Amino acid sequence: MTSPVDRYLAALPSEQSDALKRLRSLLQELVPDAEEAIKTRVPAIRYRDKTVVGFGASKGHLSLYVMFGDALRAFAKDFAGFDVGYRVVRFTPDHPIPDELVRKVVRYRLAEITQPQRTTRA
C-alpha cells in the first residue's frame, strides 16, 4: 500500500517528483524517527507530534516549508539567492537548497522542538 506522501509525489511531473524525493530522503535520514503526513495539503515531517518541515510543489517552483519557529530568520543569510517568504523557501529542481543548509534548518527545528528554551543558531 502506498502512503499519502508517495501518492503526492507520484502525481507530480518527474523533474519535480525526483527533486522532492531526494529532499524527502535527506529528511528521513536526518529524522529517522519522524512520521510523514500530509499537513495543509503538503507532505510534512513530524517529530513528537510537531511539524519539523514540510515540502511541496507548485506549477513554477518547489517549496520547503518551515511553518513554525525561527529557523528561516536564523539562516536568512544562508538563503541568499532563494525566494524566501515568511515561512517558505522556494527553489527549483535545477537550483535545489544545498543539503548542508537543509541539515542546519532541520537541526535547528529539532532543537526548537526538543529544547525550546535552548535554541541557538546551528
PDB file of N, CA and C in Angstrom:
ATOM      1  N   MET A   1       0.844  -1.177   0.000  1.00  0.00           N
ATOM      2  CA  MET A   1       0.000   0.000   0.000  1.00  0.00           C
ATOM      3  C   MET A   1       0.892   1.244   0.000  1.00  0.00           C
ATOM      4  N   THR A   2       0.537   2.205  -0.800  1.00  0.00           N
ATOM      5  CA  THR A   2       1.325   3.437  -0.872  1.00  0.00           C
ATOM      6  C   THR A   2       0.805   4.452   0.139  1.00  0.00           C
ATOM      7  N   SER A   3       1.718   5.270   0.604  1.00  0.00           N
ATOM      8  CA  SER A   3       1.363   6.286   1.590  1.00  0.00           C
ATOM      9  C   SER A   3       0.807   7.523   0.892  1.00  0.00           C
ATOM     10  N   PRO A   4       0.148   8.399   1.635  1.00  0.00           N
ATOM     11  CA  PRO A   4      -0.306   9.653   1.040  1.00  0.00           C
ATOM     12  C   PRO A   4       0.847  10.489   0.458  1.00  0.00           C
ATOM     13  N   VAL A   5       2.007  10.444   1.092  1.00  0.00           N
ATOM     14  CA  VAL A   5       3.161  11.188   0.575  1.00  0.00           C
ATOM     15  C   VAL A   5       3.637  10.567  -0.739  1.00  0.00           C
ATOM     16  N   ASP A   6       3.662   9.247  -0.808  1.00  0.00           N
ATOM     17  CA  ASP A   6       4.026   8.579  -2.065  1.00  0.00           C
ATOM     18  C   ASP A   6       3.066   8.974  -3.183  1.00  0.00           C
ATOM     19  N   ARG A   7       1.777   9.015  -2.881  1.00  0.00           N
ATOM     20  CA  ARG A   7       0.781   9.395  -3.894  1.00  0.00           C
ATOM     21  C   ARG A   7       0.960  10.857  -4.311  1.00  0.00           C
ATOM     22  N   TYR A   8       1.255  11.726  -3.355  1.00  0.00           N
ATOM     23  CA  TYR A   8       1.509  13.139  -3.666  1.00  0.00           C
ATOM     24  C   TYR A   8       2.669  13.251  -4.656  1.00  0.00           C
ATOM     25  N   LEU A   9       3.771  12.579  -4.360  1.00  0.00           N
ATOM     26  CA  LEU A   9       4.960  12.661  -5.211  1.00  0.00           C
ATOM     27  C   LEU A   9       4.718  12.025  -6.578  1.00  0.00           C
ATOM     28  N   ALA A  10       3.965  10.937  -6.619  1.00  0.00           N
ATOM     29  CA  ALA A  10       3.697  10.250  -7.884  1.00  0.00           C
ATOM     30  C   ALA A  10       2.863  11.100  -8.837  1.00  0.00           C
ATOM     31  N   ALA A  11       2.087  12.018  -8.305  1.00  0.00           N
ATOM     32  CA  ALA A  11       1.221  12.854  -9.131  1.00  0.00           C
ATOM     33  C   ALA A  11       1.964  14.032  -9.780  1.00  0.00           C
ATOM     34  N   LEU A  12       3.211  14.250  -9.390  1.00  0.00           N
ATOM     35  CA  LEU A  12       3.978  15.394  -9.895  1.00  0.00           C
ATOM     36  C   LEU A  12       4.711  15.054 -11.185  1.00  0.00           C
ATOM     37  N   PRO A  13       5.067  16.062 -11.975  1.00  0.00           N
ATOM     38  CA  PRO A  13       5.961  15.825 -13.115  1.00  0.00           C
ATOM     39  C   PRO A  13       7.282  15.228 -12.603  1.00  0.00           C
ATOM     40  N   SER A  14       7.914  14.422 -13.410  1.00  0.00           N
ATOM     41  CA  SER A  14       9.082  13.660 -12.946  1.00  0.00           C
ATOM     42  C   SER A  14      10.207  14.541 -12.405  1.00  0.00           C
ATOM     43  N   GLU A  15      10.473  15.677 -13.023  1.00  0.00           N
ATOM     44  CA  GLU A  15      11.562  16.534 -12.546  1.00  0.00           C
ATOM     45  C   GLU A  15      11.274  17.026 -11.122  1.00  0.00           C
ATOM     46  N   GLN A  16      10.049  17.443 -10.871  1.00  0.00           N
ATOM     47  CA  GLN A  16       9.677  17.893  -9.527  1.00  0.00           C
ATOM     48  C   GLN A  16       9.660  16.727  -8.546  1.00  0.00           C
ATOM     49  N   SER A  17       9.075  15.625  -8.973  1.00  0.00           N
ATOM     50  CA  SER A  17       8.999  14.445  -8.117  1.00  0.00           C
ATOM     51  C   SER A  17      10.386  13.964  -7.720  1.00  0.00           C
ATOM     52  N   ASP A  18      11.292  13.883  -8.670  1.00  0.00           N
ATOM     53  CA  ASP A  18      12.654  13.428  -8.378  1.00  0.00           C
ATOM     54  C   ASP A  18      13.345  14.350  -7.378  1.00  0.00           C
ATOM     55  N   ALA A  19      13.186  15.656  -7.557  1.00  0.00           N
ATOM     56  CA  ALA A  19      13.825  16.610  -6.642  1.00  0.00           C
ATOM     57  C   ALA A  19      13.251  16.490  -5.232  1.00  0.00           C
ATOM     58  N   LEU A  20      11.936  16.342  -5.127  1.00  0.00           N
ATOM     59  CA  LEU A  20      11.333  16.221  -3.796  1.00  0.00           C
ATOM     60  C   LEU A  20      11.605  14.855  -3.164  1.00  0.00           C
ATOM     61  N   LYS A  21      11.730  13.814  -3.970  1.00  0.00           N
ATOM     62  CA  LYS A  21      12.116  12.503  -3.418  1.00  0.00           C
ATOM     63  C   LYS A  21      13.518  12.570  -2.823  1.00  0.00           C
ATOM     64  N   ARG A  22      14.391  13.287  -3.477  1.00  0.00           N
ATOM     65  CA  ARG A  22      15.750  13.464  -2.955  1.00  0.00           C
ATOM     66  C   ARG A  22      15.710  14.223  -1.627  1.00  0.00           C
ATOM     67  N   LEU A  23      14.923  15.300  -1.565  1.00  0.00           N
ATOM     68  CA  LEU A  23      14.768  16.059  -0.325  1.00  0.00           C
ATOM     69  C   LEU A  23      14.141  15.176   0.755  1.00  0.00           C
ATOM     70  N   ARG A  24      13.127  14.431   0.401  1.00  0.00           N
ATOM     71  CA  ARG A  24      12.468  13.533   1.355  1.00  0.00           C
ATOM     72  C   ARG A  24      13.459  12.530   1.932  1.00  0.00           C
ATOM     73  N   SER A  25      14.276  11.966   1.090  1.00  0.00           N
ATOM     74  CA  SER A  25      15.276  11.002   1.540  1.00  0.00           C
ATOM     75  C   SER A  25      16.235  11.633   2.551  1.00  0.00           C
ATOM     76  N   LEU A  26      16.671  12.850   2.277  1.00  0.00           N
ATOM     77  CA  LEU A  26      17.545  13.562   3.205  1.00  0.00           C
ATOM     78  C   LEU A  26      16.824  13.804   4.530  1.00  0.00           C
ATOM     79  N   LEU A  27      15.574  14.221   4.472  1.00  0.00           N
ATOM     80  CA  LEU A  27      14.805  14.467   5.693  1.00  0.00           C
ATOM     81  C   LEU A  27      14.626  13.182   6.500  1.00  0.00           C
ATOM     82  N   GLN A  28      14.376  12.069   5.818  1.00  0.00           N
ATOM     83  CA  GLN A  28      14.230  10.783   6.511  1.00  0.00           C
ATOM     84  C   GLN A  28      15.542  10.375   7.180  1.00  0.00           C
ATOM     85  N   GLU A  29      16.649  10.684   6.532  1.00  0.00           N
ATOM     86  CA  GLU A  29      17.966  10.399   7.116  1.00  0.00           C
ATOM     87  C   GLU A  29      18.205  11.260   8.360  1.00  0.00           C
ATOM     88  N   LEU A  30      17.807  12.508   8.300  1.00  0.00           N
ATOM     89  CA  LEU A  30      18.043  13.441   9.400  1.00  0.00           C
ATOM     90  C   LEU A  30      17.124  13.194  10.596  1.00  0.00           C
ATOM     91  N   VAL A  31      15.924  12.712  10.335  1.00  0.00           N
ATOM     92  CA  VAL A  31      14.936  12.484  11.399  1.00  0.00           C
ATOM     93  C   VAL A  31      14.351  11.080  11.218  1.00  0.00           C
ATOM     94  N   PRO A  32      15.152  10.050  11.497  1.00  0.00           N
ATOM     95  CA  PRO A  32      14.688   8.690  11.220  1.00  0.00           C
ATOM     96  C   PRO A  32      13.453   8.277  12.017  1.00  0.00           C
ATOM     97  N   ASP A  33      13.210   8.902  13.153  1.00  0.00           N
ATOM     98  CA  ASP A  33      12.044   8.565  13.979  1.00  0.00           C
ATOM     99  C   ASP A  33      10.813   9.396  13.628  1.00  0.00           C
ATOM    100  N   ALA A  34      10.916  10.208  12.605  1.00  0.00           N
ATOM    101  CA  ALA A  34       9.799  11.076  12.231  1.00  0.00           C
ATOM    102  C   ALA A  34       8.693  10.271  11.566  1.00  0.00           C
ATOM    103  N   GLU A  35       7.526  10.846  11.607  1.00  0.00           N
ATOM    104  CA  GLU A  35       6.422  10.296  10.835  1.00  0.00           C
ATOM    105  C   GLU A  35       6.113  11.276   9.710  1.00  0.00           C
ATOM    106  N   GLU A  36       5.614  10.741   8.622  1.00  0.00           N
ATOM    107  CA  GLU A  36       5.232  11.574   7.495  1.00  0.00           C
ATOM    108  C   GLU A  36       3.724  11.715   7.479  1.00  0.00           C
ATOM    109  N   ALA A  37       3.275  12.863   7.076  1.00  0.00           N
ATOM    110  CA  ALA A  37       1.842  13.119   6.975  1.00  0.00           C
ATOM    111  C   ALA A  37       1.610  14.202   5.945  1.00  0.00           C
ATOM    112  N   ILE A  38       0.394  14.317   5.510  1.00  0.00           N
ATOM    113  CA  ILE A  38       0.004  15.445   4.675  1.00  0.00           C
ATOM    114  C   ILE A  38      -0.618  16.464   5.623  1.00  0.00           C
ATOM    115  N   LYS A  39       0.009  17.624   5.710  1.00  0.00           N
ATOM    116  CA  LYS A  39      -0.471  18.713   6.565  1.00  0.00           C
ATOM    117  C   LYS A  39      -0.625  19.949   5.697  1.00  0.00           C
ATOM    118  N   THR A  40      -1.719  20.595   5.819  1.00  0.00           N
ATOM    119  CA  THR A  40      -2.043  21.763   4.993  1.00  0.00           C
ATOM    120  C   THR A  40      -1.756  21.491   3.505  1.00  0.00           C
ATOM    121  N   ARG A  41      -2.154  20.308   3.076  1.00  0.00           N
ATOM    122  CA  ARG A  41      -2.105  19.855   1.674  1.00  0.00           C
ATOM    123  C   ARG A  41      -0.711  19.568   1.121  1.00  0.00           C
ATOM    124  N   VAL A  42       0.310  19.521   1.976  1.00  0.00           N
ATOM    125  CA  VAL A  42       1.653  19.176   1.511  1.00  0.00           C
ATOM    126  C   VAL A  42       2.269  18.139   2.461  1.00  0.00           C
ATOM    127  N   PRO A  43       3.225  17.355   1.961  1.00  0.00           N
ATOM    128  CA  PRO A  43       3.911  16.415   2.838  1.00  0.00           C
ATOM    129  C   PRO A  43       4.658  17.144   3.950  1.00  0.00           C
ATOM    130  N   ALA A  44       4.642  16.549   5.122  1.00  0.00           N
ATOM    131  CA  ALA A  44       5.329  17.128   6.271  1.00  0.00           C
ATOM    132  C   ALA A  44       6.042  16.024   7.035  1.00  0.00           C
ATOM    133  N   ILE A  45       7.165  16.394   7.623  1.00  0.00           N
ATOM    134  CA  ILE A  45       7.919  15.529   8.503  1.00  0.00           C
ATOM    135  C   ILE A  45       7.583  15.972   9.922  1.00  0.00           C
ATOM    136  N   ARG A  46       7.091  15.027  10.729  1.00  0.00           N
ATOM    137  CA  ARG A  46       6.671  15.367  12.089  1.00  0.00           C
ATOM    138  C   ARG A  46       7.465  14.548  13.101  1.00  0.00           C
ATOM    139  N   TYR A  47       7.799  15.215  14.202  1.00  0.00           N
ATOM    140  CA  TYR A  47       8.549  14.586  15.280  1.00  0.00           C
ATOM    141  C   TYR A  47       7.932  15.041  16.596  1.00  0.00           C
ATOM    142  N   ARG A  48       7.627  14.085  17.460  1.00  0.00           N
ATOM    143  CA  ARG A  48       6.967  14.386  18.742  1.00  0.00           C
ATOM    144  C   ARG A  48       5.698  15.207  18.537  1.00  0.00           C
ATOM    145  N   ASP A  49       4.930  14.815  17.536  1.00  0.00           N
ATOM    146  CA  ASP A  49       3.659  15.465  17.204  1.00  0.00           C
ATOM    147  C   ASP A  49       3.798  16.924  16.779  1.00  0.00           C
ATOM    148  N   LYS A  50       4.978  17.314  16.349  1.00  0.00           N
ATOM    149  CA  LYS A  50       5.207  18.679  15.868  1.00  0.00           C
ATOM    150  C   LYS A  50       5.822  18.610  14.474  1.00  0.00           C
ATOM    151  N   THR A  51       5.445  19.556  13.642  1.00  0.00           N
ATOM    152  CA  THR A  51       5.985  19.600  12.284  1.00  0.00           C
ATOM    153  C   THR A  51       7.398  20.150  12.301  1.00  0.00           C
ATOM    154  N   VAL A  52       8.321  19.373  11.746  1.00  0.00           N
ATOM    155  CA  VAL A  52       9.705  19.827  11.588  1.00  0.00           C
ATOM    156  C   VAL A  52       9.751  20.727  10.357  1.00  0.00           C
ATOM    157  N   VAL A  53       9.429  20.178   9.207  1.00  0.00           N
ATOM    158  CA  VAL A  53       9.327  20.927   7.950  1.00  0.00           C
ATOM    159  C   VAL A  53       8.318  20.230   7.050  1.00  0.00           C
ATOM    160  N   GLY A  54       7.883  20.959   6.052  1.00  0.00           N
ATOM    161  CA  GLY A  54       7.061  20.385   5.003  1.00  0.00           C
ATOM    162  C   GLY A  54       7.724  20.657   3.666  1.00  0.00           C
ATOM    163  N   PHE A  55       7.211  20.023   2.630  1.00  0.00           N
ATOM    164  CA  PHE A  55       7.743  20.262   1.292  1.00  0.00           C
ATOM    165  C   PHE A  55       6.636  20.067   0.278  1.00  0.00           C
ATOM    166  N   GLY A  56       6.770  20.754  -0.844  1.00  0.00           N
ATOM    167  CA  GLY A  56       5.719  20.642  -1.842  1.00  0.00           C
ATOM    168  C   GLY A  56       6.112  21.224  -3.174  1.00  0.00           C
ATOM    169  N   ALA A  57       5.169  21.110  -4.103  1.00  0.00           N
ATOM    170  CA  ALA A  57       5.401  21.584  -5.467  1.00  0.00           C
ATOM    171  C   ALA A  57       4.253  22.472  -5.918  1.00  0.00           C
ATOM    172  N   SER A  58       4.603  23.487  -6.661  1.00  0.00           N
ATOM    173  CA  SER A  58       3.650  24.350  -7.344  1.00  0.00           C
ATOM    174  C   SER A  58       4.019  24.337  -8.818  1.00  0.00           C
ATOM    175  N   LYS A  59       3.243  25.008  -9.615  1.00  0.00           N
ATOM    176  CA  LYS A  59       3.491  24.985 -11.053  1.00  0.00           C
ATOM    177  C   LYS A  59       4.907  25.449 -11.406  1.00  0.00           C
ATOM    178  N   GLY A  60       5.387  26.521 -10.766  1.00  0.00           N
ATOM    179  CA  GLY A  60       6.666  27.088 -11.164  1.00  0.00           C
ATOM    180  C   GLY A  60       7.828  26.875 -10.212  1.00  0.00           C
ATOM    181  N   HIS A  61       7.596  26.188  -9.093  1.00  0.00           N
ATOM    182  CA  HIS A  61       8.686  26.019  -8.130  1.00  0.00           C
ATOM    183  C   HIS A  61       8.376  24.901  -7.142  1.00  0.00           C
ATOM    184  N   LEU A  62       9.373  24.577  -6.353  1.00  0.00           N
ATOM    185  CA  LEU A  62       9.242  23.655  -5.225  1.00  0.00           C
ATOM    186  C   LEU A  62       9.374  24.477  -3.957  1.00  0.00           C
ATOM    187  N   SER A  63       8.933  23.915  -2.845  1.00  0.00           N
ATOM    188  CA  SER A  63       8.979  24.668  -1.593  1.00  0.00           C
ATOM    189  C   SER A  63       9.430  23.797  -0.435  1.00  0.00           C
ATOM    190  N   LEU A  64      10.191  24.419   0.447  1.00  0.00           N
ATOM    191  CA  LEU A  64      10.494  23.860   1.761  1.00  0.00           C
ATOM    192  C   LEU A  64       9.765  24.760   2.740  1.00  0.00           C
ATOM    193  N   TYR A  65       8.828  24.179   3.473  1.00  0.00           N
ATOM    194  CA  TYR A  65       8.018  24.947   4.420  1.00  0.00           C
ATOM    195  C   TYR A  65       8.590  24.786   5.822  1.00  0.00           C
ATOM    196  N   VAL A  66       8.900  25.894   6.434  1.00  0.00           N
ATOM    197  CA  VAL A  66       9.328  25.906   7.832  1.00  0.00           C
ATOM    198  C   VAL A  66       8.232  26.684   8.556  1.00  0.00           C
ATOM    199  N   MET A  67       7.157  25.968   8.851  1.00  0.00           N
ATOM    200  CA  MET A  67       5.913  26.587   9.283  1.00  0.00           C
ATOM    201  C   MET A  67       5.967  27.172  10.685  1.00  0.00           C
ATOM    202  N   PHE A  68       6.898  26.699  11.472  1.00  0.00           N
ATOM    203  CA  PHE A  68       6.985  27.126  12.860  1.00  0.00           C
ATOM    204  C   PHE A  68       8.434  27.439  13.205  1.00  0.00           C
ATOM    205  N   GLY A  69       8.629  28.237  14.232  1.00  0.00           N
ATOM    206  CA  GLY A  69       9.968  28.507  14.729  1.00  0.00           C
ATOM    207  C   GLY A  69      10.687  29.612  13.976  1.00  0.00           C
ATOM    208  N   ASP A  70      11.958  29.751  14.317  1.00  0.00           N
ATOM    209  CA  ASP A  70      12.775  30.857  13.813  1.00  0.00           C
ATOM    210  C   ASP A  70      13.900  30.436  12.872  1.00  0.00           C
ATOM    211  N   ALA A  71      13.859  29.236  12.351  1.00  0.00           N
ATOM    212  CA  ALA A  71      14.969  28.741  11.530  1.00  0.00           C
ATOM    213  C   ALA A  71      15.210  29.600  10.294  1.00  0.00           C
ATOM    214  N   LEU A  72      14.158  30.029   9.628  1.00  0.00           N
ATOM    215  CA  LEU A  72      14.374  30.842   8.423  1.00  0.00           C
ATOM    216  C   LEU A  72      15.034  32.170   8.763  1.00  0.00           C
ATOM    217  N   ARG A  73      14.637  32.749   9.854  1.00  0.00           N
ATOM    218  CA  ARG A  73      15.268  34.005  10.282  1.00  0.00           C
ATOM    219  C   ARG A  73      16.721  33.742  10.693  1.00  0.00           C
ATOM    220  N   ALA A  74      16.955  32.655  11.396  1.00  0.00           N
ATOM    221  CA  ALA A  74      18.303  32.350  11.874  1.00  0.00           C
ATOM    222  C   ALA A  74      19.282  32.124  10.727  1.00  0.00           C
ATOM    223  N   PHE A  75      18.803  31.602   9.614  1.00  0.00           N
ATOM    224  CA  PHE A  75      19.684  31.282   8.488  1.00  0.00           C
ATOM    225  C   PHE A  75      19.394  32.152   7.264  1.00  0.00           C
ATOM    226  N   ALA A  76      18.846  33.322   7.472  1.00  0.00           N
ATOM    227  CA  ALA A  76      18.460  34.203   6.363  1.00  0.00           C
ATOM    228  C   ALA A  76      19.605  34.460   5.395  1.00  0.00           C
ATOM    229  N   LYS A  77      20.792  34.718   5.913  1.00  0.00           N
ATOM    230  CA  LYS A  77      21.937  34.995   5.029  1.00  0.00           C
ATOM    231  C   LYS A  77      22.299  33.781   4.181  1.00  0.00           C
ATOM    232  N   ASP A  78      22.126  32.584   4.740  1.00  0.00           N
ATOM    233  CA  ASP A  78      22.440  31.350   4.014  1.00  0.00           C
ATOM    234  C   ASP A  78      21.490  31.113   2.846  1.00  0.00           C
ATOM    235  N   PHE A  79      20.304  31.716   2.919  1.00  0.00           N
ATOM    236  CA  PHE A  79      19.310  31.527   1.867  1.00  0.00           C
ATOM    237  C   PHE A  79      19.389  32.590   0.771  1.00  0.00           C
ATOM    238  N   ALA A  80      20.452  33.373   0.753  1.00  0.00           N
ATOM    239  CA  ALA A  80      20.633  34.353  -0.324  1.00  0.00           C
ATOM    240  C   ALA A  80      20.587  33.612  -1.664  1.00  0.00           C
ATOM    241  N   GLY A  81      19.885  34.173  -2.607  1.00  0.00           N
ATOM    242  CA  GLY A  81      19.754  33.531  -3.915  1.00  0.00           C
ATOM    243  C   GLY A  81      18.492  32.693  -4.050  1.00  0.00           C
ATOM    244  N   PHE A  82      17.753  32.530  -2.958  1.00  0.00           N
ATOM    245  CA  PHE A  82      16.486  31.811  -2.982  1.00  0.00           C
ATOM    246  C   PHE A  82      15.358  32.789  -2.715  1.00  0.00           C
ATOM    247  N   ASP A  83      14.183  32.440  -3.177  1.00  0.00           N
ATOM    248  CA  ASP A  83      12.978  33.231  -2.908  1.00  0.00           C
ATOM    249  C   ASP A  83      12.448  32.773  -1.547  1.00  0.00           C
ATOM    250  N   VAL A  84      12.606  33.616  -0.537  1.00  0.00           N
ATOM    251  CA  VAL A  84      12.239  33.257   0.825  1.00  0.00           C
ATOM    252  C   VAL A  84      11.053  34.101   1.262  1.00  0.00           C
ATOM    253  N   GLY A  85      10.027  33.429   1.732  1.00  0.00           N
ATOM    254  CA  GLY A  85       8.866  34.102   2.292  1.00  0.00           C
ATOM    255  C   GLY A  85       8.884  33.973   3.804  1.00  0.00           C
ATOM    256  N   TYR A  86       7.795  34.312   4.420  1.00  0.00           N
ATOM    257  CA  TYR A  86       7.700  34.294   5.878  1.00  0.00           C
ATOM    258  C   TYR A  86       7.955  32.901   6.446  1.00  0.00           C
ATOM    259  N   ARG A  87       7.426  31.880   5.830  1.00  0.00           N
ATOM    260  CA  ARG A  87       7.568  30.502   6.321  1.00  0.00           C
ATOM    261  C   ARG A  87       7.946  29.504   5.228  1.00  0.00           C
ATOM    262  N   VAL A  88       8.500  29.994   4.113  1.00  0.00           N
ATOM    263  CA  VAL A  88       8.772  29.110   2.981  1.00  0.00           C
ATOM    264  C   VAL A  88      10.026  29.562   2.235  1.00  0.00           C
ATOM    265  N   VAL A  89      10.726  28.557   1.689  1.00  0.00           N
ATOM    266  CA  VAL A  89      11.834  28.805   0.766  1.00  0.00           C
ATOM    267  C   VAL A  89      11.442  28.145  -0.546  1.00  0.00           C
ATOM    268  N   ARG A  90      11.433  28.930  -1.614  1.00  0.00           N
ATOM    269  CA  ARG A  90      11.084  28.403  -2.926  1.00  0.00           C
ATOM    270  C   ARG A  90      12.367  28.126  -3.704  1.00  0.00           C
ATOM    271  N   PHE A  91      12.359  26.998  -4.399  1.00  0.00           N
ATOM    272  CA  PHE A  91      13.530  26.587  -5.175  1.00  0.00           C
ATOM    273  C   PHE A  91      13.062  25.810  -6.394  1.00  0.00           C
ATOM    274  N   THR A  92      13.994  25.441  -7.246  1.00  0.00           N
ATOM    275  CA  THR A  92      13.670  24.680  -8.447  1.00  0.00           C
ATOM    276  C   THR A  92      14.518  23.412  -8.474  1.00  0.00           C
ATOM    277  N   PRO A  93      14.119  22.440  -9.277  1.00  0.00           N
ATOM    278  CA  PRO A  93      14.917  21.216  -9.372  1.00  0.00           C
ATOM    279  C   PRO A  93      16.358  21.475  -9.805  1.00  0.00           C
ATOM    280  N   ASP A  94      16.563  22.495 -10.651  1.00  0.00           N
ATOM    281  CA  ASP A  94      17.926  22.778 -11.112  1.00  0.00           C
ATOM    282  C   ASP A  94      18.686  23.717 -10.179  1.00  0.00           C
ATOM    283  N   HIS A  95      18.027  24.234  -9.141  1.00  0.00           N
ATOM    284  CA  HIS A  95      18.681  25.064  -8.124  1.00  0.00           C
ATOM    285  C   HIS A  95      18.123  24.675  -6.743  1.00  0.00           C
ATOM    286  N   PRO A  96      18.467  23.442  -6.294  1.00  0.00           N
ATOM    287  CA  PRO A  96      17.935  22.970  -5.012  1.00  0.00           C
ATOM    288  C   PRO A  96      18.621  23.654  -3.827  1.00  0.00           C
ATOM    289  N   ILE A  97      17.984  23.556  -2.687  1.00  0.00           N
ATOM    290  CA  ILE A  97      18.597  24.035  -1.452  1.00  0.00           C
ATOM    291  C   ILE A  97      19.750  23.081  -1.134  1.00  0.00           C
ATOM    292  N   PRO A  98      20.940  23.582  -0.852  1.00  0.00           N
ATOM    293  CA  PRO A  98      22.057  22.689  -0.538  1.00  0.00           C
ATOM    294  C   PRO A  98      21.740  21.784   0.663  1.00  0.00           C
ATOM    295  N   ASP A  99      22.196  20.551   0.576  1.00  0.00           N
ATOM    296  CA  ASP A  99      21.940  19.579   1.645  1.00  0.00           C
ATOM    297  C   ASP A  99      22.382  20.100   3.008  1.00  0.00           C
ATOM    298  N   GLU A 100      23.530  20.747   3.064  1.00  0.00           N
ATOM    299  CA  GLU A 100      24.030  21.221   4.354  1.00  0.00           C
ATOM    300  C   GLU A 100      23.106  22.276   4.953  1.00  0.00           C
ATOM    301  N   LEU A 101      22.501  23.094   4.119  1.00  0.00           N
ATOM    302  CA  LEU A 101      21.563  24.095   4.627  1.00  0.00           C
ATOM    303  C   LEU A 101      20.282  23.423   5.120  1.00  0.00           C
ATOM    304  N   VAL A 102      19.814  22.418   4.424  1.00  0.00           N
ATOM    305  CA  VAL A 102      18.657  21.647   4.903  1.00  0.00           C
ATOM    306  C   VAL A 102      19.001  21.022   6.252  1.00  0.00           C
ATOM    307  N   ARG A 103      20.195  20.475   6.364  1.00  0.00           N
ATOM    308  CA  ARG A 103      20.626  19.890   7.650  1.00  0.00           C
ATOM    309  C   ARG A 103      20.570  20.922   8.777  1.00  0.00           C
ATOM    310  N   LYS A 104      21.078  22.118   8.512  1.00  0.00           N
ATOM    311  CA  LYS A 104      21.077  23.177   9.529  1.00  0.00           C
ATOM    312  C   LYS A 104      19.655  23.522   9.966  1.00  0.00           C
ATOM    313  N   VAL A 105      18.775  23.670   9.004  1.00  0.00           N
ATOM    314  CA  VAL A 105      17.388  24.023   9.309  1.00  0.00           C
ATOM    315  C   VAL A 105      16.720  22.923  10.125  1.00  0.00           C
ATOM    316  N   VAL A 106      16.912  21.679   9.716  1.00  0.00           N
ATOM    317  CA  VAL A 106      16.281  20.567  10.427  1.00  0.00           C
ATOM    318  C   VAL A 106      16.856  20.443  11.837  1.00  0.00           C
ATOM    319  N   ARG A 107      18.158  20.552  11.995  1.00  0.00           N
ATOM    320  CA  ARG A 107      18.752  20.502  13.344  1.00  0.00           C
ATOM    321  C   ARG A 107      18.186  21.614  14.221  1.00  0.00           C
ATOM    322  N   TYR A 108      18.066  22.798  13.659  1.00  0.00           N
ATOM    323  CA  TYR A 108      17.522  23.936  14.397  1.00  0.00           C
ATOM    324  C   TYR A 108      16.082  23.660  14.825  1.00  0.00           C
ATOM    325  N   ARG A 109      15.278  23.158  13.887  1.00  0.00           N
ATOM    326  CA  ARG A 109      13.884  22.847  14.208  1.00  0.00           C
ATOM    327  C   ARG A 109      13.792  21.749  15.273  1.00  0.00           C
ATOM    328  N   LEU A 110      14.643  20.741  15.184  1.00  0.00           N
ATOM    329  CA  LEU A 110      14.623  19.682  16.200  1.00  0.00           C
ATOM    330  C   LEU A 110      14.984  20.244  17.568  1.00  0.00           C
ATOM    331  N   ALA A 111      15.929  21.164  17.608  1.00  0.00           N
ATOM    332  CA  ALA A 111      16.278  21.808  18.877  1.00  0.00           C
ATOM    333  C   ALA A 111      15.103  22.626  19.397  1.00  0.00           C
ATOM    334  N   GLU A 112      14.398  23.307  18.504  1.00  0.00           N
ATOM    335  CA  GLU A 112      13.222  24.067  18.931  1.00  0.00           C
ATOM    336  C   GLU A 112      12.147  23.155  19.514  1.00  0.00           C
ATOM    337  N   ILE A 113      12.026  21.963  18.935  1.00  0.00           N
ATOM    338  CA  ILE A 113      11.008  21.008  19.387  1.00  0.00           C
ATOM    339  C   ILE A 113      11.414  20.348  20.701  1.00  0.00           C
ATOM    340  N   THR A 114      12.683  19.949  20.804  1.00  0.00           N
ATOM    341  CA  THR A 114      13.107  19.175  21.975  1.00  0.00           C
ATOM    342  C   THR A 114      13.593  20.027  23.127  1.00  0.00           C
ATOM    343  N   GLN A 115      14.126  21.202  22.837  1.00  0.00           N
ATOM    344  CA  GLN A 115      14.667  22.084  23.877  1.00  0.00           C
ATOM    345  C   GLN A 115      14.304  23.519  23.548  1.00  0.00           C
ATOM    346  N   PRO A 116      13.037  23.879  23.617  1.00  0.00           N
ATOM    347  CA  PRO A 116      12.613  25.195  23.137  1.00  0.00           C
ATOM    348  C   PRO A 116      13.335  26.380  23.763  1.00  0.00           C
ATOM    349  N   GLN A 117      13.773  26.267  24.988  1.00  0.00           N
ATOM    350  CA  GLN A 117      14.449  27.390  25.625  1.00  0.00           C
ATOM    351  C   GLN A 117      15.917  27.474  25.248  1.00  0.00           C
ATOM    352  N   ARG A 118      16.479  26.453  24.649  1.00  0.00           N
ATOM    353  CA  ARG A 118      17.919  26.416  24.378  1.00  0.00           C
ATOM    354  C   ARG A 118      18.251  26.540  22.901  1.00  0.00           C
ATOM    355  N   THR A 119      17.336  26.914  22.056  1.00  0.00           N
ATOM    356  CA  THR A 119      17.598  27.004  20.631  1.00  0.00           C
ATOM    357  C   THR A 119      18.628  28.084  20.336  1.00  0.00           C
ATOM    358  N   THR A 120      19.651  27.672  19.614  1.00  0.00           N
ATOM    359  CA  THR A 120      20.686  28.608  19.182  1.00  0.00           C
ATOM    360  C   THR A 120      20.961  28.336  17.713  1.00  0.00           C
ATOM    361  N   ARG A 121      21.595  29.264  17.077  1.00  0.00           N
ATOM    362  CA  ARG A 121      21.929  29.076  15.678  1.00  0.00           C
ATOM    363  C   ARG A 121      22.874  27.902  15.552  1.00  0.00           C
ATOM    364  N   ALA A 122      22.529  26.961  14.693  1.00  0.00           N
ATOM    365  CA  ALA A 122      23.338  25.749  14.495  1.00  0.00           C
ATOM    366  C   ALA A 122      24.437  25.988  13.479  1.00  0.00           C
TER     367      ALA A 122
END
